[in-house]
Protein backbone atom coordinates (compact mmCIF):
# COMPACT_ATOMS: atom_id res chain seq x y z
CA MET A 1 -61.14 -90.06 -8.58
CA VAL A 2 -59.26 -89.65 -5.64
CA LYS A 3 -56.09 -89.40 -7.59
CA LYS A 4 -57.81 -86.69 -9.76
CA LYS A 5 -58.61 -84.80 -6.62
CA ILE A 6 -55.14 -84.90 -5.23
CA ILE A 7 -53.73 -83.62 -8.43
CA HIS A 8 -56.68 -81.14 -8.70
CA ARG A 9 -55.50 -79.92 -5.37
CA ILE A 10 -51.88 -80.20 -6.04
CA LEU A 11 -52.59 -77.91 -9.08
CA VAL A 12 -54.65 -75.13 -7.54
CA LYS A 13 -52.24 -74.70 -4.56
CA ARG A 14 -49.04 -74.18 -7.24
CA MET A 15 -51.20 -71.96 -9.06
CA ARG A 16 -52.37 -69.74 -6.13
CA SER A 17 -48.46 -69.77 -4.85
CA TRP A 18 -47.66 -68.84 -8.50
CA ARG A 19 -50.23 -66.29 -8.48
CA SER A 20 -49.00 -64.58 -5.04
CA ARG A 21 -45.50 -64.77 -6.25
CA GLU A 22 -46.67 -62.40 -9.21
CA ASP A 23 -48.43 -60.18 -7.08
CA LEU A 24 -45.33 -59.49 -4.83
CA PHE A 25 -43.14 -58.41 -7.90
CA VAL A 26 -42.03 -54.65 -7.65
CA GLU A 27 -41.51 -52.58 -11.04
CA PRO A 28 -37.83 -51.67 -10.63
CA THR A 29 -38.45 -48.32 -12.79
CA SER A 30 -41.00 -47.29 -10.22
CA MET A 31 -38.09 -47.80 -7.10
CA ALA A 32 -35.71 -45.78 -9.12
CA ASP A 33 -38.12 -42.92 -9.58
CA ILE A 34 -38.75 -42.91 -5.48
CA SER A 35 -35.05 -43.37 -4.80
CA PHE A 36 -34.42 -40.10 -7.15
CA LEU A 37 -37.07 -38.24 -5.37
CA LEU A 38 -36.00 -39.15 -2.35
CA LEU A 39 -32.16 -38.38 -3.02
CA LEU A 40 -33.82 -34.83 -4.24
CA PHE A 41 -35.48 -34.06 -1.30
CA PHE A 42 -32.62 -34.75 1.26
CA ILE A 43 -30.02 -33.05 -1.05
CA VAL A 44 -32.87 -29.75 -1.01
CA THR A 45 -33.64 -29.98 2.62
CA SER A 46 -30.16 -30.43 4.07
CA SER A 47 -27.45 -27.78 5.02
CA PHE A 48 -24.02 -28.20 3.45
CA LEU A 49 -22.94 -24.47 4.95
CA ILE A 50 -19.88 -25.38 7.09
CA ARG A 51 -18.84 -22.46 9.24
CA GLU A 52 -15.21 -23.19 10.33
CA GLY A 53 -13.43 -19.94 9.77
CA ILE A 54 -13.84 -16.15 11.22
CA PHE A 55 -16.40 -13.93 8.78
CA PHE A 56 -15.98 -10.20 8.88
CA SER A 57 -18.98 -7.82 7.77
CA LEU A 58 -17.00 -4.63 6.62
CA PRO A 59 -18.43 -1.32 6.90
CA GLU A 60 -19.22 0.96 3.84
CA LYS A 61 -16.36 2.68 2.37
CA GLY A 62 -15.62 5.83 3.94
CA ALA A 63 -17.67 5.06 7.00
CA SER A 64 -16.32 6.40 10.44
CA VAL A 65 -17.28 4.83 14.20
CA ARG A 66 -16.19 6.11 16.88
CA VAL A 67 -15.41 3.87 19.91
CA GLU A 68 -15.22 4.60 23.89
CA GLU A 69 -11.50 3.83 24.60
CA GLU A 70 -12.17 1.28 27.72
CA LYS A 71 -13.97 -1.01 24.77
CA VAL A 72 -10.78 -1.40 22.79
CA ILE A 73 -8.07 -3.78 23.55
CA GLU A 74 -4.80 -3.02 21.80
CA VAL A 75 -2.37 -6.18 21.24
CA TYR A 76 0.84 -6.50 19.56
CA PRO A 77 1.59 -9.95 17.70
CA VAL A 78 5.20 -10.77 18.45
CA GLU A 79 7.36 -13.56 17.63
CA ASP A 80 7.50 -15.13 21.32
CA GLY A 81 3.57 -14.31 22.20
CA PHE A 82 1.34 -11.20 22.61
CA ARG A 83 1.81 -8.05 23.87
CA ILE A 84 -0.82 -5.98 25.69
CA GLY A 85 0.72 -2.79 26.96
CA GLU A 86 3.77 -3.43 28.53
CA ASP A 87 2.47 -7.44 28.92
CA LEU A 88 3.75 -10.22 27.27
CA LEU A 89 1.64 -13.02 27.11
CA ASP A 90 1.72 -16.51 25.82
CA ARG A 91 -1.05 -17.67 23.74
CA ARG A 92 -3.35 -19.45 26.94
CA ASN A 93 -2.54 -16.28 28.99
CA PHE A 94 -3.63 -14.04 26.15
CA LYS A 95 -6.41 -15.92 25.89
CA GLU A 96 -7.24 -15.90 29.32
CA ARG A 97 -7.02 -12.06 29.03
CA LEU A 98 -9.37 -11.97 26.14
CA ALA A 99 -11.97 -14.31 27.61
CA ARG A 100 -11.60 -12.27 31.07
CA SER A 101 -12.06 -8.92 29.41
CA LEU A 102 -14.87 -9.52 27.06
CA ALA A 103 -16.90 -11.06 29.96
CA GLU A 104 -16.74 -7.69 32.19
CA THR A 105 -17.38 -5.69 29.00
CA PRO A 106 -19.38 -7.50 26.31
CA GLY A 107 -18.82 -5.93 23.04
CA LYS A 108 -15.04 -5.27 23.36
CA ILE A 109 -13.07 -4.49 19.99
CA LEU A 110 -9.76 -6.21 19.87
CA VAL A 111 -7.47 -4.04 17.77
CA ILE A 112 -4.53 -6.05 16.14
CA ARG A 113 -1.64 -4.14 15.18
CA MET A 114 0.67 -5.37 12.92
CA GLY A 115 4.15 -4.16 12.22
CA SER A 116 6.36 -4.80 9.10
CA GLU A 117 8.50 -7.41 10.73
CA VAL A 118 5.49 -9.48 12.33
CA ARG A 119 4.94 -13.10 10.43
CA TYR A 120 1.53 -13.68 9.11
CA ASP A 121 0.94 -16.77 11.17
CA ARG A 122 1.12 -14.52 13.96
CA LEU A 123 -2.19 -12.72 12.80
CA VAL A 124 -3.65 -16.08 12.05
CA ASP A 125 -2.75 -17.20 15.61
CA THR A 126 -4.35 -14.04 16.91
CA LEU A 127 -7.42 -14.27 14.90
CA GLY A 128 -7.65 -17.74 16.22
CA VAL A 129 -7.44 -16.59 19.97
CA ALA A 130 -10.18 -13.87 19.26
CA LYS A 131 -12.22 -16.95 17.50
CA GLU A 132 -11.88 -19.32 20.53
CA THR A 133 -12.91 -16.74 23.13
CA GLY A 134 -15.80 -15.48 21.16
CA MET A 135 -14.50 -11.91 20.15
CA ASN A 136 -16.41 -11.29 17.02
CA ARG A 137 -15.40 -7.54 16.75
CA ILE A 138 -12.07 -6.95 15.63
CA SER A 139 -10.20 -4.22 13.89
CA LEU A 140 -6.73 -4.68 11.93
CA LYS A 141 -4.01 -1.82 12.03
CA HIS A 142 -0.96 -1.51 10.20
CA GLU A 143 2.03 -0.03 12.03
CA ALA A 144 4.85 1.68 9.95
CA GLY A 145 7.58 0.96 12.09
CA ASP A 146 7.65 -2.21 13.88
CA LYS A 147 6.56 -0.72 17.20
CA ALA A 148 5.42 -4.41 18.74
CA ASN A 149 9.11 -5.17 19.11
């Protein structure tokens, strides 16, 4: 009789442990559904826009804008630096001059005057300095002759 009770207890324990294991089982298809929904949620709510360049907003065709002369900085990119008026500046000094000028008069416009002899990378470098200083009003002007050099 004692043996029967022991065997019965052992069988009951095994059945309980077997049931609890079965109850803990998670259906893989529902986990896949939940994973897919979470993936969709994060794709829809996250932002993938990376702003690395300089973004221009162009005026309408034929639009004319008058600007006060003291709000304009004219620069001529040249082979060995940047020319503002009679001053020839290296990149660091040009950046400092732009930053100082922008701090003194907010809303300044940088007019980049390109001669036909100036390499394209000089324009890119000039735009890079403008971006670094926070200059956001830029105008490009092509010079017929190479006035910069």
